[in-house]
Amino acid sequence: ANTYYWIDPARDVTGVILMQVLPFADGQCLEAFAGFERGIYAGLDAADQKAA
């Protein structure tokens, strides 16, 4: 299984992505995790810009 997470106390955000795919560290799973994280930060950045 491929389970990844991150904790960013500076931005007050955490993320978890769980996938039932083998092998561990599968390239497509790593790409999905990276895209998931980028998407979260893009949303946070957009919200910050609207609030400013």
N, C-alpha and C. Protein backbone atom coordinates (compact mmCIF):
# COMPACT_ATOMS: atom_id res chain seq x y z
N ALA A 1 0.84 -1.18 0.00
CA ALA A 1 0.00 0.00 0.00
C ALA A 1 0.88 1.24 0.00
N ASN A 2 0.35 2.30 -0.49
CA ASN A 2 1.06 3.58 -0.55
C ASN A 2 0.28 4.59 0.28
N THR A 3 0.84 4.96 1.40
CA THR A 3 0.24 5.94 2.30
C THR A 3 1.27 7.03 2.56
N TYR A 4 0.88 8.26 2.33
CA TYR A 4 1.80 9.38 2.50
C TYR A 4 1.09 10.50 3.24
N TYR A 5 1.87 11.30 3.94
CA TYR A 5 1.30 12.43 4.68
C TYR A 5 2.34 13.52 4.79
N TRP A 6 1.88 14.71 5.14
CA TRP A 6 2.79 15.79 5.49
C TRP A 6 2.10 16.65 6.54
N ILE A 7 2.94 17.33 7.31
CA ILE A 7 2.48 18.26 8.34
C ILE A 7 3.26 19.56 8.14
N ASP A 8 2.54 20.65 7.99
CA ASP A 8 3.16 21.95 7.79
C ASP A 8 2.65 22.91 8.87
N PRO A 9 3.34 22.98 10.01
CA PRO A 9 2.86 23.85 11.08
C PRO A 9 2.90 25.34 10.71
N ALA A 10 3.78 25.72 9.80
CA ALA A 10 3.87 27.13 9.40
C ALA A 10 2.59 27.57 8.68
N ARG A 11 2.02 26.70 7.87
CA ARG A 11 0.78 27.02 7.14
C ARG A 11 -0.46 26.47 7.85
N ASP A 12 -0.25 25.76 8.94
CA ASP A 12 -1.34 25.15 9.71
C ASP A 12 -2.17 24.21 8.85
N VAL A 13 -1.48 23.31 8.15
CA VAL A 13 -2.16 22.37 7.26
C VAL A 13 -1.48 21.01 7.34
N THR A 14 -2.28 19.98 7.20
CA THR A 14 -1.77 18.61 7.09
C THR A 14 -2.48 17.95 5.92
N GLY A 15 -1.87 16.90 5.42
CA GLY A 15 -2.49 16.15 4.35
C GLY A 15 -2.17 14.68 4.47
N VAL A 16 -3.13 13.84 4.08
CA VAL A 16 -2.95 12.39 4.08
C VAL A 16 -3.57 11.86 2.80
N ILE A 17 -2.85 10.98 2.13
CA ILE A 17 -3.38 10.30 0.95
C ILE A 17 -3.09 8.82 1.12
N LEU A 18 -4.11 7.99 0.95
CA LEU A 18 -3.99 6.55 1.13
C LEU A 18 -4.40 5.86 -0.16
N MET A 19 -3.56 4.96 -0.64
CA MET A 19 -3.84 4.24 -1.88
C MET A 19 -3.55 2.76 -1.68
N GLN A 20 -4.43 1.92 -2.17
CA GLN A 20 -4.25 0.47 -2.08
C GLN A 20 -3.63 -0.02 -3.38
N VAL A 21 -2.37 0.34 -3.58
CA VAL A 21 -1.64 0.00 -4.80
C VAL A 21 -0.27 -0.52 -4.41
N LEU A 22 0.15 -1.60 -5.01
CA LEU A 22 1.50 -2.11 -4.83
C LEU A 22 2.24 -1.95 -6.15
N PRO A 23 3.55 -1.81 -6.10
CA PRO A 23 4.45 -1.87 -4.96
C PRO A 23 4.51 -0.52 -4.23
N PHE A 24 5.09 -0.55 -3.02
CA PHE A 24 5.31 0.67 -2.27
C PHE A 24 6.20 1.60 -3.09
N ALA A 25 5.95 2.88 -2.99
CA ALA A 25 6.69 3.92 -3.72
C ALA A 25 6.51 3.79 -5.23
N ASP A 26 5.34 3.33 -5.64
CA ASP A 26 5.00 3.25 -7.06
C ASP A 26 5.08 4.65 -7.66
N GLY A 27 5.65 4.76 -8.83
CA GLY A 27 5.85 6.06 -9.46
C GLY A 27 4.57 6.86 -9.64
N GLN A 28 3.50 6.21 -10.07
CA GLN A 28 2.24 6.92 -10.27
C GLN A 28 1.64 7.38 -8.94
N CYS A 29 1.84 6.60 -7.89
CA CYS A 29 1.35 7.00 -6.57
C CYS A 29 2.13 8.21 -6.06
N LEU A 30 3.44 8.22 -6.28
CA LEU A 30 4.24 9.36 -5.86
C LEU A 30 3.84 10.62 -6.62
N GLU A 31 3.53 10.46 -7.92
CA GLU A 31 3.05 11.60 -8.71
C GLU A 31 1.70 12.09 -8.19
N ALA A 32 0.82 11.16 -7.82
CA ALA A 32 -0.48 11.54 -7.28
C ALA A 32 -0.32 12.31 -5.97
N PHE A 33 0.58 11.85 -5.12
CA PHE A 33 0.83 12.53 -3.85
C PHE A 33 1.36 13.94 -4.09
N ALA A 34 2.32 14.06 -5.00
CA ALA A 34 2.89 15.38 -5.30
C ALA A 34 1.82 16.31 -5.85
N GLY A 35 0.97 15.81 -6.74
CA GLY A 35 -0.11 16.62 -7.29
C GLY A 35 -1.13 17.02 -6.24
N PHE A 36 -1.43 16.10 -5.33
CA PHE A 36 -2.35 16.37 -4.23
C PHE A 36 -1.82 17.50 -3.36
N GLU A 37 -0.54 17.41 -3.00
CA GLU A 37 0.07 18.44 -2.16
C GLU A 37 0.12 19.79 -2.88
N ARG A 38 0.50 19.78 -4.15
CA ARG A 38 0.52 21.03 -4.93
C ARG A 38 -0.87 21.65 -4.98
N GLY A 39 -1.89 20.82 -5.17
CA GLY A 39 -3.26 21.32 -5.24
C GLY A 39 -3.71 21.97 -3.95
N ILE A 40 -3.35 21.36 -2.84
CA ILE A 40 -3.72 21.93 -1.53
C ILE A 40 -3.08 23.30 -1.37
N TYR A 41 -1.78 23.39 -1.66
CA TYR A 41 -1.09 24.67 -1.50
C TYR A 41 -1.59 25.71 -2.50
N ALA A 42 -1.95 25.29 -3.70
CA ALA A 42 -2.51 26.23 -4.67
C ALA A 42 -3.82 26.81 -4.15
N GLY A 43 -4.65 25.96 -3.55
CA GLY A 43 -5.90 26.43 -2.97
C GLY A 43 -5.68 27.37 -1.80
N LEU A 44 -4.71 27.05 -0.96
CA LEU A 44 -4.39 27.92 0.16
C LEU A 44 -3.87 29.27 -0.33
N ASP A 45 -3.00 29.24 -1.34
CA ASP A 45 -2.47 30.49 -1.88
C ASP A 45 -3.58 31.35 -2.49
N ALA A 46 -4.51 30.71 -3.21
CA ALA A 46 -5.61 31.45 -3.81
C ALA A 46 -6.49 32.07 -2.73
N ALA A 47 -6.74 31.34 -1.66
CA ALA A 47 -7.55 31.87 -0.56
C ALA A 47 -6.83 33.03 0.13
N ASP A 48 -5.52 32.91 0.28
CA ASP A 48 -4.74 34.00 0.89
C ASP A 48 -4.81 35.26 0.04
N GLN A 49 -4.74 35.10 -1.29
CA GLN A 49 -4.79 36.26 -2.18
C GLN A 49 -6.15 36.94 -2.13
N LYS A 50 -7.21 36.15 -2.02
CA LYS A 50 -8.56 36.73 -1.92
C LYS A 50 -8.73 37.50 -0.62
N ALA A 51 -8.12 36.99 0.44
CA ALA A 51 -8.26 37.62 1.76
C ALA A 51 -7.44 38.90 1.87
N ALA A 52 -6.43 39.05 1.01
CA ALA A 52 -5.54 40.22 1.10
C ALA A 52 -6.16 41.44 0.47
